[in-house]
Amino acid sequence: MNVKTIIQNRREITSYEDKAIPDDVIGELVDAATLAPSGNNLPSREFIVIRNKETLNQLADTPATVSWLKGVSAAIVITGRPDVSKYWLQDSSIAAGFIWLTAVDQGLGAAFGAIYHAQDPEESEKREHYVRESLSIPNDRRITAILGLGYPAEHPGAKTPPENSDLVHYETFND
């Protein structure tokens, strides 16, 4: 697939076939994660690949809306390192995007579960604490998100960009 087709086919998929993801496909996702850019090229993000059904079911109970993790074949937890870079959130978010686009290219569906909550520190602490305890993540890491992965049970179809978008401005911000 070309990049535009991959982007158009990137959809939030929360219903999956009961089919394992091969090791080489997981390897492609991990490569995409580690090849994603980071501020000053610092190792400010780390990844935990989870395939164990018991662990996936446990993560589905995270106090965030991620119950769909019960149906995934795998997940990747994306963490950030504030002690390494002030750009940890941007770096880990870009890596999530690279993983997601690679998943689409590999015929997978994905869903994004936000764990870190920038506007509600209390909620973020609850979510991060649950995931941290479940996966033995050190306290110096922040938990950005969980990407659930699997072969889609169904796909809603490719998106097309709107003809006239109020989201795009040229040269200056126009009303």
Protein backbone atom coordinates (compact mmCIF):
# COMPACT_ATOMS: atom_id res chain seq x y z
CA MET A 1 0.00 0.00 0.00
CA ASN A 2 1.14 3.55 -0.53
CA VAL A 3 1.21 5.94 2.43
CA LYS A 4 -1.98 7.80 1.45
CA THR A 5 -3.92 4.53 1.16
CA ILE A 6 -2.59 3.41 4.53
CA ILE A 7 -3.64 6.70 6.12
CA GLN A 8 -7.11 6.53 4.56
CA ASN A 9 -7.56 2.95 5.83
CA ARG A 10 -6.42 3.75 9.37
CA ARG A 11 -9.60 3.40 11.38
CA GLU A 12 -10.37 2.69 15.03
CA ILE A 13 -11.02 -1.06 15.02
CA THR A 14 -12.39 -2.62 18.21
CA SER A 15 -13.71 -5.96 16.92
CA TYR A 16 -11.24 -8.62 15.89
CA GLU A 17 -10.95 -12.14 14.50
CA ASP A 18 -9.60 -14.79 16.85
CA LYS A 19 -6.33 -15.09 14.96
CA ALA A 20 -2.76 -14.80 16.22
CA ILE A 21 -0.43 -12.16 14.82
CA PRO A 22 2.73 -13.81 13.42
CA ASP A 23 6.10 -13.00 14.99
CA ASP A 24 7.38 -11.32 11.81
CA VAL A 25 4.41 -8.93 11.81
CA ILE A 26 5.02 -8.08 15.48
CA GLY A 27 8.65 -7.49 14.45
CA GLU A 28 7.52 -5.00 11.80
CA LEU A 29 5.48 -3.11 14.42
CA VAL A 30 8.41 -3.02 16.83
CA ASP A 31 10.71 -1.80 14.05
CA ALA A 32 8.25 1.00 13.24
CA ALA A 33 8.11 1.99 16.90
CA THR A 34 11.86 2.17 17.30
CA LEU A 35 12.39 3.91 13.95
CA ALA A 36 9.94 6.69 14.82
CA PRO A 37 11.65 10.05 15.28
CA SER A 38 12.30 11.52 18.70
CA GLY A 39 13.38 14.96 19.86
CA ASN A 40 17.16 15.25 19.75
CA ASN A 41 17.19 11.55 18.82
CA LEU A 42 16.93 10.65 22.52
CA PRO A 43 15.53 7.28 23.66
CA SER A 44 12.56 8.91 25.37
CA ARG A 45 10.03 6.14 24.74
CA GLU A 46 9.85 2.41 25.37
CA PHE A 47 7.41 -0.29 24.33
CA ILE A 48 5.93 -3.38 25.92
CA VAL A 49 4.52 -6.01 23.55
CA ILE A 50 1.78 -8.09 25.14
CA ARG A 51 0.32 -11.26 23.66
CA ASN A 52 -0.71 -13.14 26.79
CA LYS A 53 -4.54 -13.28 26.89
CA GLU A 54 -4.66 -13.16 30.67
CA THR A 55 -2.59 -9.95 30.69
CA LEU A 56 -4.65 -8.43 27.86
CA ASN A 57 -7.85 -9.19 29.79
CA GLN A 58 -6.36 -7.61 32.91
CA LEU A 59 -5.41 -4.47 30.95
CA ALA A 60 -8.98 -4.30 29.60
CA ASP A 61 -10.00 -3.36 33.16
CA THR A 62 -7.78 -0.25 33.16
CA PRO A 63 -9.87 2.71 34.40
CA ALA A 64 -10.04 4.07 30.86
CA THR A 65 -12.31 2.95 28.05
CA VAL A 66 -10.26 -0.01 26.79
CA SER A 67 -12.59 -2.97 27.33
CA TRP A 68 -12.02 -3.88 23.65
CA LEU A 69 -8.57 -5.17 24.75
CA LYS A 70 -10.36 -8.42 25.66
CA GLY A 71 -10.71 -9.18 21.95
CA VAL A 72 -7.27 -8.22 20.66
CA SER A 73 -4.52 -10.63 19.65
CA ALA A 74 -1.78 -8.36 20.97
CA ALA A 75 -1.17 -4.91 22.38
CA ILE A 76 1.70 -2.51 22.59
CA VAL A 77 1.98 -0.31 25.65
CA ILE A 78 3.83 2.91 24.88
CA THR A 79 5.72 4.60 27.68
CA GLY A 80 7.57 7.89 27.86
CA ARG A 81 10.71 8.93 29.71
CA PRO A 82 10.45 12.47 31.14
CA ASP A 83 13.85 11.90 32.77
CA VAL A 84 15.40 11.47 29.29
CA SER A 85 13.60 14.18 27.30
CA LYS A 86 11.11 16.97 27.79
CA TYR A 87 9.59 15.78 24.48
CA TRP A 88 8.62 12.34 25.83
CA LEU A 89 4.91 12.85 25.14
CA GLN A 90 5.42 13.99 21.56
CA ASP A 91 7.98 11.24 20.94
CA SER A 92 5.79 8.46 22.32
CA SER A 93 2.74 9.80 20.46
CA ILE A 94 4.60 9.87 17.14
CA ALA A 95 5.74 6.29 17.77
CA ALA A 96 2.10 5.28 18.37
CA GLY A 97 1.20 6.74 14.98
CA PHE A 98 4.03 4.87 13.27
CA ILE A 99 2.93 1.60 14.90
CA TRP A 100 -0.69 2.17 13.88
CA LEU A 101 0.15 2.94 10.25
CA THR A 102 2.43 -0.10 10.07
CA ALA A 103 -0.38 -2.22 11.54
CA VAL A 104 -2.70 -1.09 8.73
CA ASP A 105 -0.02 -1.88 6.16
CA GLN A 106 0.25 -5.38 7.65
CA GLY A 107 -3.51 -5.98 7.39
CA LEU A 108 -4.17 -5.39 11.09
CA GLY A 109 -6.71 -3.23 12.81
CA ALA A 110 -5.83 -1.16 15.85
CA ALA A 111 -7.47 0.86 18.58
CA PHE A 112 -5.85 3.59 20.68
CA GLY A 113 -6.40 3.63 24.42
CA ALA A 114 -5.19 6.88 25.97
CA ILE A 115 -3.72 6.23 29.39
CA TYR A 116 -1.91 9.50 30.08
CA HIS A 117 -4.45 12.30 30.58
CA ALA A 118 -2.79 15.70 30.20
CA GLN A 119 -5.74 17.71 31.51
CA ASP A 120 -6.69 15.55 34.49
CA PRO A 121 -3.67 14.54 36.61
CA GLU A 122 -5.84 12.55 39.03
CA GLU A 123 -7.40 10.51 36.22
CA SER A 124 -4.00 10.04 34.62
CA GLU A 125 -2.57 8.77 37.91
CA LYS A 126 -5.41 6.24 38.26
CA ARG A 127 -4.96 4.91 34.74
CA GLU A 128 -1.17 4.90 34.81
CA HIS A 129 -1.05 3.30 38.25
CA TYR A 130 -3.23 0.41 37.10
CA VAL A 131 -1.12 -0.28 34.00
CA ARG A 132 2.14 0.31 35.91
CA GLU A 133 1.18 -2.26 38.56
CA SER A 134 -0.08 -4.76 35.96
CA LEU A 135 3.15 -4.67 33.94
CA SER A 136 5.79 -3.78 36.58
CA ILE A 137 6.62 -0.49 34.85
CA PRO A 138 9.14 1.64 36.80
CA ASN A 139 7.87 4.85 38.39
CA ASP A 140 10.09 7.08 36.23
CA ARG A 141 8.11 6.14 33.10
CA ARG A 142 4.83 7.70 32.04
CA ILE A 143 2.31 5.53 30.24
CA THR A 144 1.10 7.28 27.13
CA ALA A 145 -1.19 4.72 25.57
CA ILE A 146 -2.08 1.14 24.79
CA LEU A 147 -2.54 0.15 21.14
CA GLY A 148 -4.71 -2.93 20.77
CA LEU A 149 -4.00 -4.98 17.65
CA GLY A 150 -5.64 -7.76 15.70
CA TYR A 151 -7.11 -8.80 12.40
CA PRO A 152 -10.33 -6.79 11.94
CA ALA A 153 -13.62 -8.68 12.15
CA GLU A 154 -14.91 -5.92 9.89
CA HIS A 155 -13.60 -2.66 8.47
CA PRO A 156 -15.78 0.44 7.96
CA GLY A 157 -13.92 1.36 4.78
CA ALA A 158 -11.39 3.96 3.83
CA LYS A 159 -11.86 7.59 4.80
CA THR A 160 -11.73 10.39 2.28
CA PRO A 161 -10.67 13.90 3.21
CA PRO A 162 -13.42 16.52 3.10
CA GLU A 163 -13.42 18.84 0.07
CA ASN A 164 -13.35 22.06 2.11
CA SER A 165 -11.83 21.71 5.51
CA ASP A 166 -12.06 24.31 8.24
CA LEU A 167 -8.98 22.66 9.76
CA VAL A 168 -6.47 23.90 7.20
CA HIS A 169 -5.25 27.46 6.81
CA TYR A 170 -2.67 28.84 4.42
CA GLU A 171 -0.09 31.52 5.22
CA THR A 172 -2.08 32.87 8.22
CA PHE A 173 -4.89 31.69 10.47
CA ASN A 174 -8.09 32.75 8.73
CA ASP A 175 -11.63 32.78 10.07
